[in-house]
């Protein structure tokens, strides 16, 4: 069991930009755009943190405050993850009222345009400087990401948007949601998750939380409960009996929906943020799959009790 716990630490450590963020050969998510990055865990609900609405906003340089401006559905929007270059996770064309994914999103950003970069605690506006290979495709010659001022020199930006005002449609999930305090499950809550997993066909075993976070996904004003869960395999420290991600609408674990499940049972998932990419009031989940060699990201939309992936995992997977 201890080896499995250590393995989780390795997986999350290698999700950081310093590990290459998703390169297959060795080669994460923060506060909301208008919210603070920390809130105490709520033990009565089984742990978990959410962005605070009462704390000051993100740190920004004077004169570089997040712009007011149109948001989807009245504006185009492109959402990027930083992997040594800005890889598009998804985009929305206001004219077509349609979400798209993949490299076609790159064409929506004009040469020399400004994007807004963000971390869990800060944000800055920077100019796009061309197309580059992301770390996960280093040496391939495939320039399927954008470069921007400020991405080098040890910068820890994890997300970017175009145009800059649409940053207000993004809420990043605090790192504290993966802390020991946030993931320590009360026994009654652990039993509820165990029952939910059994209903979803997961094998028996001790349930452990990798991440517990609260965020309003469906836009009804009530926080939903996200949990990345694993069931370690005592006989095999290289695989889990189960690894997946669940979302409990309005915090009701009995109605939890499985958002992702690892087929290899070697991966762990995390929620990096949510975004209302098309302005319909419902937020898409920005998920990351972490594994020993790297990881990758993609957006997932909930359609009732069904999780619908929007595009493929980025090239780290």
C-alpha atoms as a PDB file:
ATOM      1  CA  UNK A   1       0.000   0.000   0.000  1.00  0.00           C
ATOM      2  CA  UNK A   2       2.785   2.409   0.830  1.00  0.00           C
ATOM      3  CA  UNK A   3       4.315   1.807  -2.568  1.00  0.00           C
ATOM      4  CA  UNK A   4       1.021   2.707  -4.217  1.00  0.00           C
ATOM      5  CA  UNK A   5       0.841   5.936  -2.226  1.00  0.00           C
ATOM      6  CA  UNK A   6       4.392   6.778  -3.274  1.00  0.00           C
ATOM      7  CA  UNK A   7       3.418   6.042  -6.866  1.00  0.00           C
ATOM      8  CA  UNK A   8       0.650   8.667  -6.699  1.00  0.00           C
ATOM      9  CA  UNK A   9       3.206  11.234  -5.608  1.00  0.00           C
ATOM     10  CA  UNK A  10       5.451  10.371  -8.539  1.00  0.00           C
ATOM     11  CA  UNK A  11       2.578  10.638 -11.020  1.00  0.00           C
ATOM     12  CA  UNK A  12       1.519  14.068  -9.811  1.00  0.00           C
ATOM     13  CA  UNK A  13       5.091  15.308  -9.551  1.00  0.00           C
ATOM     14  CA  UNK A  14       5.660  14.426 -13.203  1.00  0.00           C
ATOM     15  CA  UNK A  15       2.605  16.416 -14.203  1.00  0.00           C
ATOM     16  CA  UNK A  16       4.417  19.631 -13.330  1.00  0.00           C
ATOM     17  CA  UNK A  17       5.946  21.789 -16.082  1.00  0.00           C
ATOM     18  CA  UNK A  18       9.423  20.908 -14.841  1.00  0.00           C
ATOM     19  CA  UNK A  19       8.778  17.272 -15.779  1.00  0.00           C
ATOM     20  CA  UNK A  20       7.951  18.144 -19.336  1.00  0.00           C
ATOM     21  CA  UNK A  21       4.211  18.301 -18.805  1.00  0.00           C
ATOM     22  CA  UNK A  22       3.480  15.281 -20.972  1.00  0.00           C
ATOM     23  CA  UNK A  23       6.421  14.302 -23.171  1.00  0.00           C
ATOM     24  CA  UNK A  24       6.287  10.618 -23.983  1.00  0.00           C
ATOM     25  CA  UNK A  25      10.033  10.193 -23.629  1.00  0.00           C
ATOM     26  CA  UNK A  26      10.452  11.489 -20.136  1.00  0.00           C
ATOM     27  CA  UNK A  27       9.328  14.117 -20.420  1.00  0.00           C
ATOM     28  CA  UNK A  28      -1.051  21.375 -13.828  1.00  0.00           C
ATOM     29  CA  UNK A  29      -4.718  24.320 -12.402  1.00  0.00           C
ATOM     30  CA  UNK A  30      -5.475  26.776  -9.882  1.00  0.00           C
ATOM     31  CA  UNK A  31      -7.914  29.462  -8.840  1.00  0.00           C
ATOM     32  CA  UNK A  32     -10.698  30.902 -10.877  1.00  0.00           C
ATOM     33  CA  UNK A  33     -10.004  33.853 -13.091  1.00  0.00           C
ATOM     34  CA  UNK A  34     -11.917  36.027 -10.675  1.00  0.00           C
ATOM     35  CA  UNK A  35     -11.527  33.967  -7.516  1.00  0.00           C
ATOM     36  CA  UNK A  36      -8.827  33.260  -4.959  1.00  0.00           C
ATOM     37  CA  UNK A  37      -6.879  30.033  -4.982  1.00  0.00           C
ATOM     38  CA  UNK A  38      -7.576  28.631  -1.540  1.00  0.00           C
ATOM     39  CA  UNK A  39     -10.407  27.621   0.764  1.00  0.00           C
ATOM     40  CA  UNK A  40     -10.349  25.380   3.808  1.00  0.00           C
ATOM     41  CA  UNK A  41     -11.322  21.753   3.278  1.00  0.00           C
ATOM     42  CA  UNK A  42     -14.764  20.802   4.456  1.00  0.00           C
ATOM     43  CA  UNK A  43     -14.363  17.671   6.588  1.00  0.00           C
ATOM     44  CA  UNK A  44     -18.085  17.351   7.196  1.00  0.00           C
ATOM     45  CA  UNK A  45     -18.498  16.658   3.474  1.00  0.00           C
ATOM     46  CA  UNK A  46     -15.460  14.441   3.150  1.00  0.00           C
ATOM     47  CA  UNK A  47     -12.754  16.947   2.321  1.00  0.00           C
ATOM     48  CA  UNK A  48     -12.189  19.025  -0.769  1.00  0.00           C
ATOM     49  CA  UNK A  49     -11.528  22.641  -1.529  1.00  0.00           C
ATOM     50  CA  UNK A  50     -12.965  25.150  -3.910  1.00  0.00           C
ATOM     51  CA  UNK A  51     -11.978  28.604  -5.083  1.00  0.00           C
ATOM     52  CA  UNK A  52     -13.042  31.205  -2.547  1.00  0.00           C
ATOM     53  CA  UNK A  53     -15.361  33.966  -3.690  1.00  0.00           C
ATOM     54  CA  UNK A  54     -14.381  36.220  -0.784  1.00  0.00           C
ATOM     55  CA  UNK A  55     -10.623  36.352  -1.224  1.00  0.00           C
ATOM     56  CA  UNK A  56      -8.910  38.827  -3.556  1.00  0.00           C
ATOM     57  CA  UNK A  57      -8.462  37.894  -7.203  1.00  0.00           C
ATOM     58  CA  UNK A  58      -5.346  36.687  -8.975  1.00  0.00           C
ATOM     59  CA  UNK A  59      -2.126  38.645  -8.795  1.00  0.00           C
ATOM     60  CA  UNK A  60      -1.734  40.802 -11.896  1.00  0.00           C
ATOM     61  CA  UNK A  61       0.726  43.494 -12.873  1.00  0.00           C
ATOM     62  CA  UNK A  62      -0.493  47.084 -12.773  1.00  0.00           C
ATOM     63  CA  UNK A  63      -2.151  47.904 -16.064  1.00  0.00           C
ATOM     64  CA  UNK A  64      -2.565  44.222 -16.930  1.00  0.00           C
ATOM     65  CA  UNK A  65      -5.859  43.532 -15.183  1.00  0.00           C
ATOM     66  CA  UNK A  66      -8.191  40.975 -16.743  1.00  0.00           C
ATOM     67  CA  UNK A  67     -10.117  42.812 -19.426  1.00  0.00           C
ATOM     68  CA  UNK A  68     -13.855  43.211 -19.565  1.00  0.00           C
ATOM     69  CA  UNK A  69     -15.256  42.130 -22.888  1.00  0.00           C
ATOM     70  CA  UNK A  70     -17.645  39.748 -24.598  1.00  0.00           C
ATOM     71  CA  UNK A  71     -17.687  36.092 -23.600  1.00  0.00           C
ATOM     72  CA  UNK A  72     -19.068  33.086 -25.453  1.00  0.00           C
ATOM     73  CA  UNK A  73     -21.613  32.755 -27.009  1.00  0.00           C
ATOM     74  CA  UNK A  74     -20.986  36.338 -28.150  1.00  0.00           C
ATOM     75  CA  UNK A  75     -17.260  35.848 -28.649  1.00  0.00           C
ATOM     76  CA  UNK A  76     -14.863  33.329 -30.107  1.00  0.00           C
ATOM     77  CA  UNK A  77     -12.709  31.528 -27.543  1.00  0.00           C
ATOM     78  CA  UNK A  78      -9.693  29.224 -27.646  1.00  0.00           C
ATOM     79  CA  UNK A  79      -8.478  27.375 -24.535  1.00  0.00           C
ATOM     80  CA  UNK A  80      -4.864  26.163 -24.360  1.00  0.00           C
ATOM     81  CA  UNK A  81      -2.773  24.026 -22.017  1.00  0.00           C
ATOM     82  CA  UNK A  82       0.928  24.829 -21.714  1.00  0.00           C
ATOM     83  CA  UNK A  83       3.236  21.958 -22.683  1.00  0.00           C
ATOM     84  CA  UNK A  84       6.339  23.852 -23.731  1.00  0.00           C
ATOM     85  CA  UNK A  85       3.951  25.533 -26.166  1.00  0.00           C
ATOM     86  CA  UNK A  86       0.261  26.321 -26.092  1.00  0.00           C
ATOM     87  CA  UNK A  87      -1.675  23.209 -27.141  1.00  0.00           C
ATOM     88  CA  UNK A  88      -5.347  23.844 -27.958  1.00  0.00           C
ATOM     89  CA  UNK A  89      -7.804  21.932 -25.785  1.00  0.00           C
ATOM     90  CA  UNK A  90     -10.884  23.328 -27.474  1.00  0.00           C
ATOM     91  CA  UNK A  91     -12.318  26.364 -29.199  1.00  0.00           C
ATOM     92  CA  UNK A  92     -15.673  27.998 -29.838  1.00  0.00           C
ATOM     93  CA  UNK A  93     -16.656  29.863 -32.971  1.00  0.00           C
ATOM     94  CA  UNK A  94     -19.344  32.420 -32.197  1.00  0.00           C
ATOM     95  CA  UNK A  95     -20.445  32.519 -35.815  1.00  0.00           C
ATOM     96  CA  UNK A  96     -21.083  28.775 -35.938  1.00  0.00           C
ATOM     97  CA  UNK A  97     -22.093  28.356 -32.262  1.00  0.00           C
ATOM     98  CA  UNK A  98     -19.935  25.249 -32.257  1.00  0.00           C
ATOM     99  CA  UNK A  99     -17.170  23.753 -30.099  1.00  0.00           C
ATOM    100  CA  UNK A 100     -14.220  22.304 -31.994  1.00  0.00           C
ATOM    101  CA  UNK A 101     -10.940  20.684 -30.954  1.00  0.00           C
ATOM    102  CA  UNK A 102      -7.522  20.027 -32.427  1.00  0.00           C
ATOM    103  CA  UNK A 103      -5.132  22.049 -34.536  1.00  0.00           C
ATOM    104  CA  UNK A 104      -7.938  23.848 -36.395  1.00  0.00           C
ATOM    105  CA  UNK A 105      -8.253  25.965 -33.234  1.00  0.00           C
ATOM    106  CA  UNK A 106      -4.772  27.385 -33.928  1.00  0.00           C
ATOM    107  CA  UNK A 107      -6.083  29.116 -37.048  1.00  0.00           C
ATOM    108  CA  UNK A 108      -8.387  31.238 -34.885  1.00  0.00           C
ATOM    109  CA  UNK A 109      -5.415  33.065 -33.345  1.00  0.00           C
ATOM    110  CA  UNK A 110      -3.892  35.683 -35.698  1.00  0.00           C
ATOM    111  CA  UNK A 111      -0.134  36.153 -35.894  1.00  0.00           C
ATOM    112  CA  UNK A 112       1.005  38.617 -33.240  1.00  0.00           C
ATOM    113  CA  UNK A 113      -2.252  38.383 -31.283  1.00  0.00           C
ATOM    114  CA  UNK A 114      -2.273  38.595 -27.497  1.00  0.00           C
ATOM    115  CA  UNK A 115      -3.281  35.716 -25.253  1.00  0.00           C
ATOM    116  CA  UNK A 116      -3.817  35.701 -21.508  1.00  0.00           C
ATOM    117  CA  UNK A 117      -1.645  33.230 -19.619  1.00  0.00           C
ATOM    118  CA  UNK A 118      -2.500  31.977 -16.159  1.00  0.00           C
ATOM    119  CA  UNK A 119      -1.334  29.986 -13.149  1.00  0.00           C
ATOM    120  CA  UNK A 120      -3.150  29.079  -9.970  1.00  0.00           C
ATOM    121  CA  UNK A 121      -2.213  32.451  -8.496  1.00  0.00           C
ATOM    122  CA  UNK A 122      -1.392  34.903 -11.279  1.00  0.00           C
ATOM    123  CA  UNK A 123      -2.158  35.942 -14.823  1.00  0.00           C
ATOM    124  CA  UNK A 124      -0.511  38.032 -17.525  1.00  0.00           C
ATOM    125  CA  UNK A 125      -1.183  39.084 -21.102  1.00  0.00           C
ATOM    126  CA  UNK A 126       1.472  38.154 -23.648  1.00  0.00           C
ATOM    127  CA  UNK A 127       1.965  38.217 -27.411  1.00  0.00           C
ATOM    128  CA  UNK A 128       1.962  35.081 -29.575  1.00  0.00           C
ATOM    129  CA  UNK A 129       5.306  34.611 -31.335  1.00  0.00           C
ATOM    130  CA  UNK A 130       4.621  31.766 -33.776  1.00  0.00           C
ATOM    131  CA  UNK A 131       4.112  28.021 -33.879  1.00  0.00           C
ATOM    132  CA  UNK A 132       6.338  25.488 -32.112  1.00  0.00           C
ATOM    133  CA  UNK A 133       6.643  21.808 -31.298  1.00  0.00           C
ATOM    134  CA  UNK A 134       5.160  20.997 -27.885  1.00  0.00           C
ATOM    135  CA  UNK A 135       7.343  18.988 -25.517  1.00  0.00           C
ATOM    136  CA  UNK A 136       5.255  15.882 -26.106  1.00  0.00           C
ATOM    137  CA  UNK A 137       6.232  15.991 -29.802  1.00  0.00           C
ATOM    138  CA  UNK A 138       9.806  17.212 -29.401  1.00  0.00           C
ATOM    139  CA  UNK A 139      11.895  16.347 -32.443  1.00  0.00           C
ATOM    140  CA  UNK A 140       8.898  15.428 -34.589  1.00  0.00           C
ATOM    141  CA  UNK A 141       8.839  18.621 -36.612  1.00  0.00           C
ATOM    142  CA  UNK A 142       5.110  18.956 -35.860  1.00  0.00           C
ATOM    143  CA  UNK A 143       4.484  22.570 -34.903  1.00  0.00           C
ATOM    144  CA  UNK A 144       1.013  22.116 -33.466  1.00  0.00           C
ATOM    145  CA  UNK A 145       1.336  24.556 -30.554  1.00  0.00           C
ATOM    146  CA  UNK A 146       1.770  28.302 -30.180  1.00  0.00           C
ATOM    147  CA  UNK A 147       4.721  30.031 -28.587  1.00  0.00           C
ATOM    148  CA  UNK A 148       4.185  33.169 -26.554  1.00  0.00           C
ATOM    149  CA  UNK A 149       6.316  35.664 -24.683  1.00  0.00           C
ATOM    150  CA  UNK A 150       6.884  34.559 -21.097  1.00  0.00           C
ATOM    151  CA  UNK A 151       6.588  30.807 -21.610  1.00  0.00           C
ATOM    152  CA  UNK A 152      10.335  30.246 -21.216  1.00  0.00           C
ATOM    153  CA  UNK A 153      12.694  31.035 -18.391  1.00  0.00           C
ATOM    154  CA  UNK A 154      11.072  28.714 -15.873  1.00  0.00           C
ATOM    155  CA  UNK A 155       7.613  30.247 -16.172  1.00  0.00           C
ATOM    156  CA  UNK A 156       4.922  28.063 -14.643  1.00  0.00           C
ATOM    157  CA  UNK A 157       1.934  29.146 -16.716  1.00  0.00           C
ATOM    158  CA  UNK A 158      -0.482  26.259 -17.136  1.00  0.00           C
ATOM    159  CA  UNK A 159      -3.297  27.758 -19.189  1.00  0.00           C
ATOM    160  CA  UNK A 160      -3.907  30.379 -21.854  1.00  0.00           C
ATOM    161  CA  UNK A 161      -6.940  31.792 -23.633  1.00  0.00           C
ATOM    162  CA  UNK A 162      -7.653  33.829 -26.729  1.00  0.00           C
ATOM    163  CA  UNK A 163      -8.978  36.471 -26.826  1.00  0.00           C
ATOM    164  CA  UNK A 164      -7.753  37.699 -23.402  1.00  0.00           C
ATOM    165  CA  UNK A 165     -11.156  38.768 -21.950  1.00  0.00           C
ATOM    166  CA  UNK A 166     -12.416  35.181 -22.179  1.00  0.00           C
ATOM    167  CA  UNK A 167     -10.135  34.269 -19.274  1.00  0.00           C
ATOM    168  CA  UNK A 168     -13.152  35.171 -17.147  1.00  0.00           C
ATOM    169  CA  UNK A 169     -14.875  32.016 -18.454  1.00  0.00           C
ATOM    170  CA  UNK A 170     -12.190  29.803 -16.872  1.00  0.00           C
ATOM    171  CA  UNK A 171     -12.006  28.578 -13.272  1.00  0.00           C
ATOM    172  CA  UNK A 172      -8.829  26.745 -12.291  1.00  0.00           C
ATOM    173  CA  UNK A 173      -8.881  24.209  -9.472  1.00  0.00           C
ATOM    174  CA  UNK A 174      -6.497  24.826  -6.537  1.00  0.00           C
ATOM    175  CA  UNK A 175      -3.512  22.572  -5.935  1.00  0.00           C
ATOM    176  CA  UNK A 176      -4.811  22.152  -2.380  1.00  0.00           C
ATOM    177  CA  UNK A 177      -7.519  19.832  -3.699  1.00  0.00           C
ATOM    178  CA  UNK A 178      -4.824  17.143  -3.904  1.00  0.00           C
ATOM    179  CA  UNK A 179      -3.497  17.756  -0.399  1.00  0.00           C
ATOM    180  CA  UNK A 180      -3.614  15.209   2.402  1.00  0.00           C
ATOM    181  CA  UNK A 181      -6.228  17.315   4.167  1.00  0.00           C
ATOM    182  CA  UNK A 182      -8.489  17.535   1.133  1.00  0.00           C
ATOM    183  CA  UNK A 183      -8.240  13.852   0.227  1.00  0.00           C
ATOM    184  CA  UNK A 184      -8.704  12.411   3.706  1.00  0.00           C
ATOM    185  CA  UNK A 185     -12.146  10.835   3.520  1.00  0.00           C
ATOM    186  CA  UNK A 186     -14.414  10.514   6.519  1.00  0.00           C
ATOM    187  CA  UNK A 187     -15.426   6.877   6.901  1.00  0.00           C
ATOM    188  CA  UNK A 188     -19.092   7.517   6.106  1.00  0.00           C
ATOM    189  CA  UNK A 189     -18.093   9.427   2.971  1.00  0.00           C
ATOM    190  CA  UNK A 190     -15.669   6.668   1.978  1.00  0.00           C
ATOM    191  CA  UNK A 191     -18.558   4.201   2.277  1.00  0.00           C
ATOM    192  CA  UNK A 192     -20.702   6.390   0.010  1.00  0.00           C
ATOM    193  CA  UNK A 193     -17.979   6.482  -2.638  1.00  0.00           C
ATOM    194  CA  UNK A 194     -17.523   2.722  -2.255  1.00  0.00           C
ATOM    195  CA  UNK A 195     -21.245   2.226  -2.928  1.00  0.00           C
ATOM    196  CA  UNK A 196     -21.095   4.542  -5.952  1.00  0.00           C
ATOM    197  CA  UNK A 197     -18.131   2.641  -7.379  1.00  0.00           C
ATOM    198  CA  UNK A 198     -19.865  -0.693  -6.857  1.00  0.00           C
ATOM    199  CA  UNK A 199     -22.891   0.633  -8.747  1.00  0.00           C
ATOM    200  CA  UNK A 200     -20.550   1.630 -11.579  1.00  0.00           C
ATOM    201  CA  UNK A 201     -18.982  -1.827 -11.741  1.00  0.00           C
ATOM    202  CA  UNK A 202     -15.678  -1.173  -9.965  1.00  0.00           C
ATOM    203  CA  UNK A 203     -13.965  -4.081  -8.181  1.00  0.00           C
ATOM    204  CA  UNK A 204     -13.936  -4.406  -4.419  1.00  0.00           C
ATOM    205  CA  UNK A 205     -11.148  -2.875  -2.370  1.00  0.00           C
ATOM    206  CA  UNK A 206     -10.112   0.027  -0.173  1.00  0.00           C
ATOM    207  CA  UNK A 207     -11.067   3.368  -1.751  1.00  0.00           C
ATOM    208  CA  UNK A 208      -8.542   6.201  -1.640  1.00  0.00           C
ATOM    209  CA  UNK A 209      -8.983   9.751  -2.914  1.00  0.00           C
ATOM    210  CA  UNK A 210      -6.328  11.391  -5.072  1.00  0.00           C
ATOM    211  CA  UNK A 211      -8.211  14.679  -5.451  1.00  0.00           C
ATOM    212  CA  UNK A 212     -11.422  16.091  -4.013  1.00  0.00           C
ATOM    213  CA  UNK A 213     -12.716  19.378  -5.380  1.00  0.00           C
ATOM    214  CA  UNK A 214     -15.919  21.398  -5.379  1.00  0.00           C
ATOM    215  CA  UNK A 215     -17.041  23.506  -8.286  1.00  0.00           C
ATOM    216  CA  UNK A 216     -20.367  24.347  -9.907  1.00  0.00           C
ATOM    217  CA  UNK A 217     -20.311  22.443 -13.190  1.00  0.00           C
ATOM    218  CA  UNK A 218     -23.942  22.557 -14.306  1.00  0.00           C
ATOM    219  CA  UNK A 219     -24.409  26.254 -13.535  1.00  0.00           C
ATOM    220  CA  UNK A 220     -27.283  25.838 -11.081  1.00  0.00           C
ATOM    221  CA  UNK A 221     -25.472  27.741  -8.331  1.00  0.00           C
ATOM    222  CA  UNK A 222     -24.802  24.629  -6.218  1.00  0.00           C
ATOM    223  CA  UNK A 223     -21.298  23.181  -5.993  1.00  0.00           C
ATOM    224  CA  UNK A 224     -20.814  19.737  -7.483  1.00  0.00           C
ATOM    225  CA  UNK A 225     -18.339  17.297  -5.932  1.00  0.00           C
ATOM    226  CA  UNK A 226     -15.467  15.903  -8.006  1.00  0.00           C
ATOM    227  CA  UNK A 227     -13.327  13.019  -6.805  1.00  0.00           C
ATOM    228  CA  UNK A 228     -10.419  11.208  -8.426  1.00  0.00           C
ATOM    229  CA  UNK A 229     -10.410   7.802  -6.770  1.00  0.00           C
ATOM    230  CA  UNK A 230      -8.203   4.724  -6.800  1.00  0.00           C
ATOM    231  CA  UNK A 231      -8.444   1.241  -5.374  1.00  0.00           C
ATOM    232  CA  UNK A 232      -4.854   0.043  -4.828  1.00  0.00           C
ATOM    233  CA  UNK A 233      -3.902  -3.532  -5.617  1.00  0.00           C
ATOM    234  CA  UNK A 234      -1.961  -4.943  -2.629  1.00  0.00           C
ATOM    235  CA  UNK A 235      -0.459  -7.603  -4.898  1.00  0.00           C
ATOM    236  CA  UNK A 236       0.769  -5.221  -7.613  1.00  0.00           C
ATOM    237  CA  UNK A 237       2.236  -1.795  -6.912  1.00  0.00           C
ATOM    238  CA  UNK A 238       2.409  -1.026 -10.649  1.00  0.00           C
ATOM    239  CA  UNK A 239      -1.343  -1.097 -11.200  1.00  0.00           C
ATOM    240  CA  UNK A 240      -4.554  -0.278  -9.398  1.00  0.00           C
ATOM    241  CA  UNK A 241      -7.618  -2.416  -9.169  1.00  0.00           C
ATOM    242  CA  UNK A 242      -9.460   0.744 -10.193  1.00  0.00           C
ATOM    243  CA  UNK A 243      -8.585   4.316 -11.080  1.00  0.00           C
ATOM    244  CA  UNK A 244     -11.176   6.816 -12.221  1.00  0.00           C
ATOM    245  CA  UNK A 245     -12.847  10.195 -11.821  1.00  0.00           C
ATOM    246  CA  UNK A 246     -16.401  10.770 -10.593  1.00  0.00           C
ATOM    247  CA  UNK A 247     -18.665  13.806 -10.333  1.00  0.00           C
ATOM    248  CA  UNK A 248     -21.484  13.958  -7.794  1.00  0.00           C
ATOM    249  CA  UNK A 249     -24.170  16.468  -8.905  1.00  0.00           C
ATOM    250  CA  UNK A 250     -24.865  19.024  -6.161  1.00  0.00           C
ATOM    251  CA  UNK A 251     -22.605  16.926  -3.920  1.00  0.00           C
ATOM    252  CA  UNK A 252     -24.973  13.922  -3.931  1.00  0.00           C
ATOM    253  CA  UNK A 253     -22.598  10.952  -4.080  1.00  0.00           C
ATOM    254  CA  UNK A 254     -25.487   8.530  -4.597  1.00  0.00           C
ATOM    255  CA  UNK A 255     -25.975  10.130  -8.038  1.00  0.00           C
ATOM    256  CA  UNK A 256     -22.283  10.222  -8.947  1.00  0.00           C
ATOM    257  CA  UNK A 257     -21.389   9.928 -12.634  1.00  0.00           C
ATOM    258  CA  UNK A 258     -18.164   8.307 -13.817  1.00  0.00           C
ATOM    259  CA  UNK A 259     -16.294  10.885 -15.876  1.00  0.00           C
ATOM    260  CA  UNK A 260     -13.189   8.814 -16.685  1.00  0.00           C
ATOM    261  CA  UNK A 261     -11.832   5.349 -15.958  1.00  0.00           C
ATOM    262  CA  UNK A 262      -8.317   4.111 -16.620  1.00  0.00           C
ATOM    263  CA  UNK A 263      -8.236   1.138 -18.945  1.00  0.00           C
ATOM    264  CA  UNK A 264      -4.596   0.393 -18.124  1.00  0.00           C
ATOM    265  CA  UNK A 265      -5.171   0.902 -14.389  1.00  0.00           C
ATOM    266  CA  UNK A 266      -1.792   2.644 -14.263  1.00  0.00           C
ATOM    267  CA  UNK A 267      -3.045   6.232 -14.543  1.00  0.00           C
ATOM    268  CA  UNK A 268      -4.576   8.731 -12.141  1.00  0.00           C
ATOM    269  CA  UNK A 269      -6.836  11.616 -13.077  1.00  0.00           C
ATOM    270  CA  UNK A 270      -7.150  15.168 -11.883  1.00  0.00           C
ATOM    271  CA  UNK A 271      -9.491  18.063 -12.496  1.00  0.00           C
ATOM    272  CA  UNK A 272      -7.415  21.068 -13.561  1.00  0.00           C
ATOM    273  CA  UNK A 273     -10.302  23.430 -14.107  1.00  0.00           C
ATOM    274  CA  UNK A 274     -13.675  24.104 -15.669  1.00  0.00           C
ATOM    275  CA  UNK A 275     -14.612  26.385 -18.551  1.00  0.00           C
ATOM    276  CA  UNK A 276     -17.855  27.560 -20.095  1.00  0.00           C
ATOM    277  CA  UNK A 277     -16.473  27.328 -23.591  1.00  0.00           C
ATOM    278  CA  UNK A 278     -19.715  27.958 -25.474  1.00  0.00           C
ATOM    279  CA  UNK A 279     -21.497  30.230 -23.008  1.00  0.00           C
ATOM    280  CA  UNK A 280     -24.456  27.932 -22.387  1.00  0.00           C
ATOM    281  CA  UNK A 281     -24.079  28.168 -18.602  1.00  0.00           C
ATOM    282  CA  UNK A 282     -22.736  24.627 -18.240  1.00  0.00           C
ATOM    283  CA  UNK A 283     -19.027  24.172 -17.695  1.00  0.00           C
ATOM    284  CA  UNK A 284     -16.795  21.682 -19.435  1.00  0.00           C
ATOM    285  CA  UNK A 285     -14.359  19.726 -17.250  1.00  0.00           C
ATOM    286  CA  UNK A 286     -10.663  20.127 -17.992  1.00  0.00           C
ATOM    287  CA  UNK A 287      -9.151  16.772 -17.037  1.00  0.00           C
ATOM    288  CA  UNK A 288      -5.616  15.489 -16.970  1.00  0.00           C
ATOM    289  CA  UNK A 289      -4.485  11.869 -17.082  1.00  0.00           C
ATOM    290  CA  UNK A 290      -1.186  11.371 -15.252  1.00  0.00           C
ATOM    291  CA  UNK A 291       1.091   8.362 -15.582  1.00  0.00           C
ATOM    292  CA  UNK A 292       4.734   7.586 -14.873  1.00  0.00           C
ATOM    293  CA  UNK A 293       6.037   8.791 -18.241  1.00  0.00           C
ATOM    294  CA  UNK A 294       3.991  11.984 -18.487  1.00  0.00           C
ATOM    295  CA  UNK A 295       0.355  12.786 -19.105  1.00  0.00           C
ATOM    296  CA  UNK A 296      -2.186  14.513 -21.281  1.00  0.00           C
ATOM    297  CA  UNK A 297      -5.248  16.741 -21.111  1.00  0.00           C
ATOM    298  CA  UNK A 298      -8.692  17.009 -22.657  1.00  0.00           C
ATOM    299  CA  UNK A 299     -12.126  18.517 -22.102  1.00  0.00           C
ATOM    300  CA  UNK A 300     -15.168  16.489 -21.078  1.00  0.00           C
ATOM    301  CA  UNK A 301     -18.790  17.625 -21.109  1.00  0.00           C
ATOM    302  CA  UNK A 302     -21.535  16.097 -18.977  1.00  0.00           C
ATOM    303  CA  UNK A 303     -24.730  15.316 -20.866  1.00  0.00           C
ATOM    304  CA  UNK A 304     -27.084  14.223 -18.119  1.00  0.00           C
ATOM    305  CA  UNK A 305     -25.548  11.089 -16.633  1.00  0.00           C
ATOM    306  CA  UNK A 306     -23.176  10.614 -19.556  1.00  0.00           C
ATOM    307  CA  UNK A 307     -19.649  12.009 -19.848  1.00  0.00           C
ATOM    308  CA  UNK A 308     -18.829  13.054 -23.414  1.00  0.00           C
ATOM    309  CA  UNK A 309     -15.143  13.663 -24.301  1.00  0.00           C
ATOM    310  CA  UNK A 310     -14.532  16.708 -26.488  1.00  0.00           C
ATOM    311  CA  UNK A 311     -11.675  15.560 -28.660  1.00  0.00           C
ATOM    312  CA  UNK A 312      -8.715  13.330 -27.948  1.00  0.00           C
ATOM    313  CA  UNK A 313      -6.167  13.500 -25.175  1.00  0.00           C
ATOM    314  CA  UNK A 314      -3.319  15.861 -25.991  1.00  0.00           C
ATOM    315  CA  UNK A 315      -0.177  14.317 -27.446  1.00  0.00           C
ATOM    316  CA  UNK A 316       1.327  13.329 -24.086  1.00  0.00           C
ATOM    317  CA  UNK A 317      -1.038  10.333 -24.013  1.00  0.00           C
END
